[in-house]
Amino acid sequence: MSTRGSSYFRPSKIDSLEVEHDYLRLLRERHSQWMSNTNDPEIRRMHSEIVNLIEPLIDRFERLLEVLREQKD
């Protein structure tokens, strides 16, 4: 894609990534809550694993969004 085309689509790309980032944060929060609301160790462990998998994704999304926002046309 040309530089001009890339610049044109950047705002919608950033918007989409922000929505996905928000969803991941919500998903992490839900699993954290569910983890703390169960007495079953196996279910708690599974929720904890999911939270631990989501954390690096959130970090990468934040870094990607930061880089995209800093780019100049």
PDB file of N, CA and C in Angstrom:
ATOM      1  N   MET A   1       0.857  -1.183   0.000  1.00  0.00           N
ATOM      2  CA  MET A   1       0.000   0.000   0.000  1.00  0.00           C
ATOM      3  C   MET A   1       0.892   1.232   0.000  1.00  0.00           C
ATOM      4  N   SER A   2       0.496   2.235  -0.699  1.00  0.00           N
ATOM      5  CA  SER A   2       1.290   3.455  -0.779  1.00  0.00           C
ATOM      6  C   SER A   2       1.273   4.196   0.544  1.00  0.00           C
ATOM      7  N   THR A   3       2.214   5.114   0.674  1.00  0.00           N
ATOM      8  CA  THR A   3       2.278   5.923   1.884  1.00  0.00           C
ATOM      9  C   THR A   3       1.008   6.745   2.037  1.00  0.00           C
ATOM     10  N   ARG A   4       0.525   7.278   0.920  1.00  0.00           N
ATOM     11  CA  ARG A   4      -0.709   8.060   0.973  1.00  0.00           C
ATOM     12  C   ARG A   4      -1.880   7.212   1.456  1.00  0.00           C
ATOM     13  N   GLY A   5      -1.995   5.996   0.928  1.00  0.00           N
ATOM     14  CA  GLY A   5      -3.058   5.090   1.348  1.00  0.00           C
ATOM     15  C   GLY A   5      -2.918   4.709   2.813  1.00  0.00           C
ATOM     16  N   SER A   6      -1.693   4.490   3.243  1.00  0.00           N
ATOM     17  CA  SER A   6      -1.454   4.147   4.646  1.00  0.00           C
ATOM     18  C   SER A   6      -1.885   5.279   5.556  1.00  0.00           C
ATOM     19  N   SER A   7      -1.592   6.500   5.167  1.00  0.00           N
ATOM     20  CA  SER A   7      -1.984   7.661   5.969  1.00  0.00           C
ATOM     21  C   SER A   7      -3.494   7.805   6.026  1.00  0.00           C
ATOM     22  N   TYR A   8      -4.134   7.493   4.917  1.00  0.00           N
ATOM     23  CA  TYR A   8      -5.581   7.610   4.845  1.00  0.00           C
ATOM     24  C   TYR A   8      -6.269   6.640   5.809  1.00  0.00           C
ATOM     25  N   PHE A   9      -5.743   5.420   5.897  1.00  0.00           N
ATOM     26  CA  PHE A   9      -6.381   4.399   6.722  1.00  0.00           C
ATOM     27  C   PHE A   9      -5.915   4.408   8.177  1.00  0.00           C
ATOM     28  N   ARG A  10      -4.881   5.163   8.509  1.00  0.00           N
ATOM     29  CA  ARG A  10      -4.340   5.138   9.860  1.00  0.00           C
ATOM     30  C   ARG A  10      -5.380   5.484  10.927  1.00  0.00           C
ATOM     31  N   PRO A  11      -6.185   6.539  10.766  1.00  0.00           N
ATOM     32  CA  PRO A  11      -7.166   6.827  11.826  1.00  0.00           C
ATOM     33  C   PRO A  11      -8.138   5.678  12.078  1.00  0.00           C
ATOM     34  N   SER A  12      -8.612   5.010  11.031  1.00  0.00           N
ATOM     35  CA  SER A  12      -9.547   3.903  11.254  1.00  0.00           C
ATOM     36  C   SER A  12      -8.825   2.700  11.843  1.00  0.00           C
ATOM     37  N   LYS A  13      -7.570   2.505  11.482  1.00  0.00           N
ATOM     38  CA  LYS A  13      -6.777   1.426  12.070  1.00  0.00           C
ATOM     39  C   LYS A  13      -6.600   1.677  13.567  1.00  0.00           C
ATOM     40  N   ILE A  14      -6.250   2.890  13.920  1.00  0.00           N
ATOM     41  CA  ILE A  14      -6.082   3.239  15.335  1.00  0.00           C
ATOM     42  C   ILE A  14      -7.397   3.049  16.080  1.00  0.00           C
ATOM     43  N   ASP A  15      -8.490   3.496  15.495  1.00  0.00           N
ATOM     44  CA  ASP A  15      -9.801   3.311  16.131  1.00  0.00           C
ATOM     45  C   ASP A  15     -10.101   1.838  16.367  1.00  0.00           C
ATOM     46  N   SER A  16      -9.842   1.008  15.369  1.00  0.00           N
ATOM     47  CA  SER A  16     -10.090  -0.430  15.503  1.00  0.00           C
ATOM     48  C   SER A  16      -9.215  -1.044  16.583  1.00  0.00           C
ATOM     49  N   LEU A  17      -7.946  -0.672  16.600  1.00  0.00           N
ATOM     50  CA  LEU A  17      -7.043  -1.194  17.620  1.00  0.00           C
ATOM     51  C   LEU A  17      -7.440  -0.738  19.019  1.00  0.00           C
ATOM     52  N   GLU A  18      -7.935   0.476  19.136  1.00  0.00           N
ATOM     53  CA  GLU A  18      -8.402   0.958  20.445  1.00  0.00           C
ATOM     54  C   GLU A  18      -9.594   0.146  20.939  1.00  0.00           C
ATOM     55  N   VAL A  19     -10.501  -0.192  20.030  1.00  0.00           N
ATOM     56  CA  VAL A  19     -11.665  -1.013  20.395  1.00  0.00           C
ATOM     57  C   VAL A  19     -11.191  -2.395  20.849  1.00  0.00           C
ATOM     58  N   GLU A  20     -10.277  -2.987  20.103  1.00  0.00           N
ATOM     59  CA  GLU A  20      -9.752  -4.294  20.469  1.00  0.00           C
ATOM     60  C   GLU A  20      -9.017  -4.233  21.810  1.00  0.00           C
ATOM     61  N   HIS A  21      -8.255  -3.188  22.009  1.00  0.00           N
ATOM     62  CA  HIS A  21      -7.536  -2.989  23.273  1.00  0.00           C
ATOM     63  C   HIS A  21      -8.506  -2.890  24.435  1.00  0.00           C
ATOM     64  N   ASP A  22      -9.565  -2.110  24.250  1.00  0.00           N
ATOM     65  CA  ASP A  22     -10.583  -1.985  25.300  1.00  0.00           C
ATOM     66  C   ASP A  22     -11.243  -3.325  25.594  1.00  0.00           C
ATOM     67  N   TYR A  23     -11.503  -4.087  24.544  1.00  0.00           N
ATOM     68  CA  TYR A  23     -12.111  -5.401  24.731  1.00  0.00           C
ATOM     69  C   TYR A  23     -11.181  -6.316  25.527  1.00  0.00           C
ATOM     70  N   LEU A  24      -9.909  -6.307  25.204  1.00  0.00           N
ATOM     71  CA  LEU A  24      -8.956  -7.139  25.942  1.00  0.00           C
ATOM     72  C   LEU A  24      -8.894  -6.741  27.412  1.00  0.00           C
ATOM     73  N   ARG A  25      -8.935  -5.456  27.673  1.00  0.00           N
ATOM     74  CA  ARG A  25      -8.931  -4.995  29.065  1.00  0.00           C
ATOM     75  C   ARG A  25     -10.189  -5.460  29.791  1.00  0.00           C
ATOM     76  N   LEU A  26     -11.320  -5.388  29.121  1.00  0.00           N
ATOM     77  CA  LEU A  26     -12.572  -5.860  29.702  1.00  0.00           C
ATOM     78  C   LEU A  26     -12.517  -7.370  29.950  1.00  0.00           C
ATOM     79  N   LEU A  27     -11.997  -8.101  28.994  1.00  0.00           N
ATOM     80  CA  LEU A  27     -11.871  -9.542  29.125  1.00  0.00           C
ATOM     81  C   LEU A  27     -10.973  -9.908  30.308  1.00  0.00           C
ATOM     82  N   ARG A  28      -9.864  -9.213  30.444  1.00  0.00           N
ATOM     83  CA  ARG A  28      -8.968  -9.435  31.577  1.00  0.00           C
ATOM     84  C   ARG A  28      -9.685  -9.159  32.894  1.00  0.00           C
ATOM     85  N   GLU A  29     -10.431  -8.075  32.941  1.00  0.00           N
ATOM     86  CA  GLU A  29     -11.150  -7.707  34.160  1.00  0.00           C
ATOM     87  C   GLU A  29     -12.201  -8.761  34.524  1.00  0.00           C
ATOM     88  N   ARG A  30     -12.923  -9.235  33.540  1.00  0.00           N
ATOM     89  CA  ARG A  30     -13.945 -10.261  33.790  1.00  0.00           C
ATOM     90  C   ARG A  30     -13.329 -11.534  34.356  1.00  0.00           C
ATOM     91  N   HIS A  31     -12.245 -11.984  33.736  1.00  0.00           N
ATOM     92  CA  HIS A  31     -11.604 -13.202  34.227  1.00  0.00           C
ATOM     93  C   HIS A  31     -11.011 -12.996  35.616  1.00  0.00           C
ATOM     94  N   SER A  32     -10.526 -11.832  35.886  1.00  0.00           N
ATOM     95  CA  SER A  32     -10.028 -11.536  37.238  1.00  0.00           C
ATOM     96  C   SER A  32     -11.154 -11.608  38.257  1.00  0.00           C
ATOM     97  N   GLN A  33     -12.290 -11.049  37.904  1.00  0.00           N
ATOM     98  CA  GLN A  33     -13.435 -11.110  38.808  1.00  0.00           C
ATOM     99  C   GLN A  33     -13.920 -12.538  38.997  1.00  0.00           C
ATOM    100  N   TRP A  34     -14.041 -13.261  37.901  1.00  0.00           N
ATOM    101  CA  TRP A  34     -14.494 -14.646  38.002  1.00  0.00           C
ATOM    102  C   TRP A  34     -13.509 -15.477  38.823  1.00  0.00           C
ATOM    103  N   MET A  35     -12.235 -15.201  38.665  1.00  0.00           N
ATOM    104  CA  MET A  35     -11.216 -15.914  39.416  1.00  0.00           C
ATOM    105  C   MET A  35     -11.403 -15.694  40.917  1.00  0.00           C
ATOM    106  N   SER A  36     -11.720 -14.493  41.298  1.00  0.00           N
ATOM    107  CA  SER A  36     -11.864 -14.194  42.721  1.00  0.00           C
ATOM    108  C   SER A  36     -13.224 -14.622  43.279  1.00  0.00           C
ATOM    109  N   ASN A  37     -14.154 -14.975  42.400  1.00  0.00           N
ATOM    110  CA  ASN A  37     -15.493 -15.364  42.857  1.00  0.00           C
ATOM    111  C   ASN A  37     -15.722 -16.870  42.853  1.00  0.00           C
ATOM    112  N   THR A  38     -14.665 -17.637  42.755  1.00  0.00           N
ATOM    113  CA  THR A  38     -14.840 -19.089  42.769  1.00  0.00           C
ATOM    114  C   THR A  38     -14.002 -19.709  43.880  1.00  0.00           C
ATOM    115  N   ASN A  39     -14.491 -20.815  44.388  1.00  0.00           N
ATOM    116  CA  ASN A  39     -13.751 -21.557  45.402  1.00  0.00           C
ATOM    117  C   ASN A  39     -13.052 -22.772  44.813  1.00  0.00           C
ATOM    118  N   ASP A  40     -13.325 -23.027  43.550  1.00  0.00           N
ATOM    119  CA  ASP A  40     -12.733 -24.185  42.886  1.00  0.00           C
ATOM    120  C   ASP A  40     -11.314 -23.842  42.425  1.00  0.00           C
ATOM    121  N   PRO A  41     -10.307 -24.518  42.956  1.00  0.00           N
ATOM    122  CA  PRO A  41      -8.919 -24.201  42.603  1.00  0.00           C
ATOM    123  C   PRO A  41      -8.610 -24.373  41.114  1.00  0.00           C
ATOM    124  N   GLU A  42      -9.212 -25.376  40.493  1.00  0.00           N
ATOM    125  CA  GLU A  42      -8.945 -25.604  39.068  1.00  0.00           C
ATOM    126  C   GLU A  42      -9.519 -24.475  38.216  1.00  0.00           C
ATOM    127  N   ILE A  43     -10.718 -24.054  38.506  1.00  0.00           N
ATOM    128  CA  ILE A  43     -11.324 -22.943  37.762  1.00  0.00           C
ATOM    129  C   ILE A  43     -10.540 -21.658  38.022  1.00  0.00           C
ATOM    130  N   ARG A  44     -10.154 -21.438  39.254  1.00  0.00           N
ATOM    131  CA  ARG A  44      -9.350 -20.256  39.589  1.00  0.00           C
ATOM    132  C   ARG A  44      -8.034 -20.261  38.802  1.00  0.00           C
ATOM    133  N   ARG A  45      -7.413 -21.422  38.724  1.00  0.00           N
ATOM    134  CA  ARG A  45      -6.157 -21.542  37.974  1.00  0.00           C
ATOM    135  C   ARG A  45      -6.362 -21.215  36.498  1.00  0.00           C
ATOM    136  N   MET A  46      -7.435 -21.731  35.920  1.00  0.00           N
ATOM    137  CA  MET A  46      -7.698 -21.460  34.499  1.00  0.00           C
ATOM    138  C   MET A  46      -7.927 -19.968  34.247  1.00  0.00           C
ATOM    139  N   HIS A  47      -8.705 -19.340  35.107  1.00  0.00           N
ATOM    140  CA  HIS A  47      -8.918 -17.897  34.949  1.00  0.00           C
ATOM    141  C   HIS A  47      -7.603 -17.139  35.092  1.00  0.00           C
ATOM    142  N   SER A  48      -6.803 -17.560  36.026  1.00  0.00           N
ATOM    143  CA  SER A  48      -5.500 -16.917  36.228  1.00  0.00           C
ATOM    144  C   SER A  48      -4.612 -17.063  34.988  1.00  0.00           C
ATOM    145  N   GLU A  49      -4.611 -18.232  34.395  1.00  0.00           N
ATOM    146  CA  GLU A  49      -3.825 -18.449  33.171  1.00  0.00           C
ATOM    147  C   GLU A  49      -4.301 -17.544  32.042  1.00  0.00           C
ATOM    148  N   ILE A  50      -5.601 -17.414  31.922  1.00  0.00           N
ATOM    149  CA  ILE A  50      -6.155 -16.546  30.876  1.00  0.00           C
ATOM    150  C   ILE A  50      -5.743 -15.104  31.111  1.00  0.00           C
ATOM    151  N   VAL A  51      -5.845 -14.656  32.346  1.00  0.00           N
ATOM    152  CA  VAL A  51      -5.415 -13.288  32.680  1.00  0.00           C
ATOM    153  C   VAL A  51      -3.948 -13.112  32.325  1.00  0.00           C
ATOM    154  N   ASN A  52      -3.123 -14.097  32.655  1.00  0.00           N
ATOM    155  CA  ASN A  52      -1.693 -14.008  32.371  1.00  0.00           C
ATOM    156  C   ASN A  52      -1.382 -14.038  30.879  1.00  0.00           C
ATOM    157  N   LEU A  53      -2.226 -14.662  30.097  1.00  0.00           N
ATOM    158  CA  LEU A  53      -2.050 -14.661  28.643  1.00  0.00           C
ATOM    159  C   LEU A  53      -2.476 -13.328  28.032  1.00  0.00           C
ATOM    160  N   ILE A  54      -3.496 -12.735  28.592  1.00  0.00           N
ATOM    161  CA  ILE A  54      -4.028 -11.486  28.055  1.00  0.00           C
ATOM    162  C   ILE A  54      -3.099 -10.301  28.348  1.00  0.00           C
ATOM    163  N   GLU A  55      -2.451 -10.306  29.492  1.00  0.00           N
ATOM    164  CA  GLU A  55      -1.599  -9.179  29.899  1.00  0.00           C
ATOM    165  C   GLU A  55      -0.576  -8.781  28.837  1.00  0.00           C
ATOM    166  N   PRO A  56       0.212  -9.716  28.300  1.00  0.00           N
ATOM    167  CA  PRO A  56       1.187  -9.312  27.276  1.00  0.00           C
ATOM    168  C   PRO A  56       0.526  -8.767  26.005  1.00  0.00           C
ATOM    169  N   LEU A  57      -0.644  -9.288  25.671  1.00  0.00           N
ATOM    170  CA  LEU A  57      -1.360  -8.766  24.506  1.00  0.00           C
ATOM    171  C   LEU A  57      -1.753  -7.307  24.723  1.00  0.00           C
ATOM    172  N   ILE A  58      -2.239  -7.014  25.905  1.00  0.00           N
ATOM    173  CA  ILE A  58      -2.612  -5.633  26.224  1.00  0.00           C
ATOM    174  C   ILE A  58      -1.388  -4.729  26.119  1.00  0.00           C
ATOM    175  N   ASP A  59      -0.270  -5.192  26.651  1.00  0.00           N
ATOM    176  CA  ASP A  59       0.966  -4.413  26.579  1.00  0.00           C
ATOM    177  C   ASP A  59       1.388  -4.151  25.132  1.00  0.00           C
ATOM    178  N   ARG A  60       1.276  -5.164  24.284  1.00  0.00           N
ATOM    179  CA  ARG A  60       1.654  -5.001  22.873  1.00  0.00           C
ATOM    180  C   ARG A  60       0.701  -4.048  22.155  1.00  0.00           C
ATOM    181  N   PHE A  61      -0.576  -4.151  22.448  1.00  0.00           N
ATOM    182  CA  PHE A  61      -1.544  -3.233  21.850  1.00  0.00           C
ATOM    183  C   PHE A  61      -1.217  -1.795  22.262  1.00  0.00           C
ATOM    184  N   GLU A  62      -0.906  -1.595  23.533  1.00  0.00           N
ATOM    185  CA  GLU A  62      -0.579  -0.248  24.008  1.00  0.00           C
ATOM    186  C   GLU A  62       0.653   0.296  23.300  1.00  0.00           C
ATOM    187  N   ARG A  63       1.666  -0.548  23.123  1.00  0.00           N
ATOM    188  CA  ARG A  63       2.880  -0.106  22.434  1.00  0.00           C
ATOM    189  C   ARG A  63       2.593   0.199  20.962  1.00  0.00           C
ATOM    190  N   LEU A  64       1.834  -0.672  20.314  1.00  0.00           N
ATOM    191  CA  LEU A  64       1.496  -0.449  18.909  1.00  0.00           C
ATOM    192  C   LEU A  64       0.709   0.847  18.747  1.00  0.00           C
ATOM    193  N   LEU A  65      -0.260   1.074  19.599  1.00  0.00           N
ATOM    194  CA  LEU A  65      -1.042   2.313  19.523  1.00  0.00           C
ATOM    195  C   LEU A  65      -0.160   3.533  19.757  1.00  0.00           C
ATOM    196  N   GLU A  66       0.750   3.421  20.685  1.00  0.00           N
ATOM    197  CA  GLU A  66       1.670   4.528  20.962  1.00  0.00           C
ATOM    198  C   GLU A  66       2.499   4.869  19.730  1.00  0.00           C
ATOM    199  N   VAL A  67       3.040   3.855  19.077  1.00  0.00           N
ATOM    200  CA  VAL A  67       3.859   4.070  17.877  1.00  0.00           C
ATOM    201  C   VAL A  67       3.017   4.667  16.752  1.00  0.00           C
ATOM    202  N   LEU A  68       1.832   4.142  16.532  1.00  0.00           N
ATOM    203  CA  LEU A  68       0.979   4.660  15.456  1.00  0.00           C
ATOM    204  C   LEU A  68       0.586   6.117  15.705  1.00  0.00           C
ATOM    205  N   ARG A  69       0.311   6.439  16.945  1.00  0.00           N
ATOM    206  CA  ARG A  69      -0.062   7.830  17.264  1.00  0.00           C
ATOM    207  C   ARG A  69       1.097   8.795  17.087  1.00  0.00           C
ATOM    208  N   GLU A  70       2.317   8.311  17.288  1.00  0.00           N
ATOM    209  CA  GLU A  70       3.502   9.172  17.160  1.00  0.00           C
ATOM    210  C   GLU A  70       3.918   9.399  15.718  1.00  0.00           C
ATOM    211  N   GLN A  71       3.528   8.508  14.830  1.00  0.00           N
ATOM    212  CA  GLN A  71       3.920   8.628  13.429  1.00  0.00           C
ATOM    213  C   GLN A  71       3.343   9.889  12.806  1.00  0.00           C
ATOM    214  N   LYS A  72       4.172  10.536  12.056  1.00  0.00           N
ATOM    215  CA  LYS A  72       3.738  11.729  11.337  1.00  0.00           C
ATOM    216  C   LYS A  72       3.522  11.363   9.867  1.00  0.00           C
ATOM    217  N   ASP A  73       2.580  12.036   9.245  1.00  0.00           N
ATOM    218  CA  ASP A  73       2.323  11.821   7.807  1.00  0.00           C
ATOM    219  C   ASP A  73       3.366  12.504   6.968  1.00  0.00           C
TER     220      ASP A  73
END
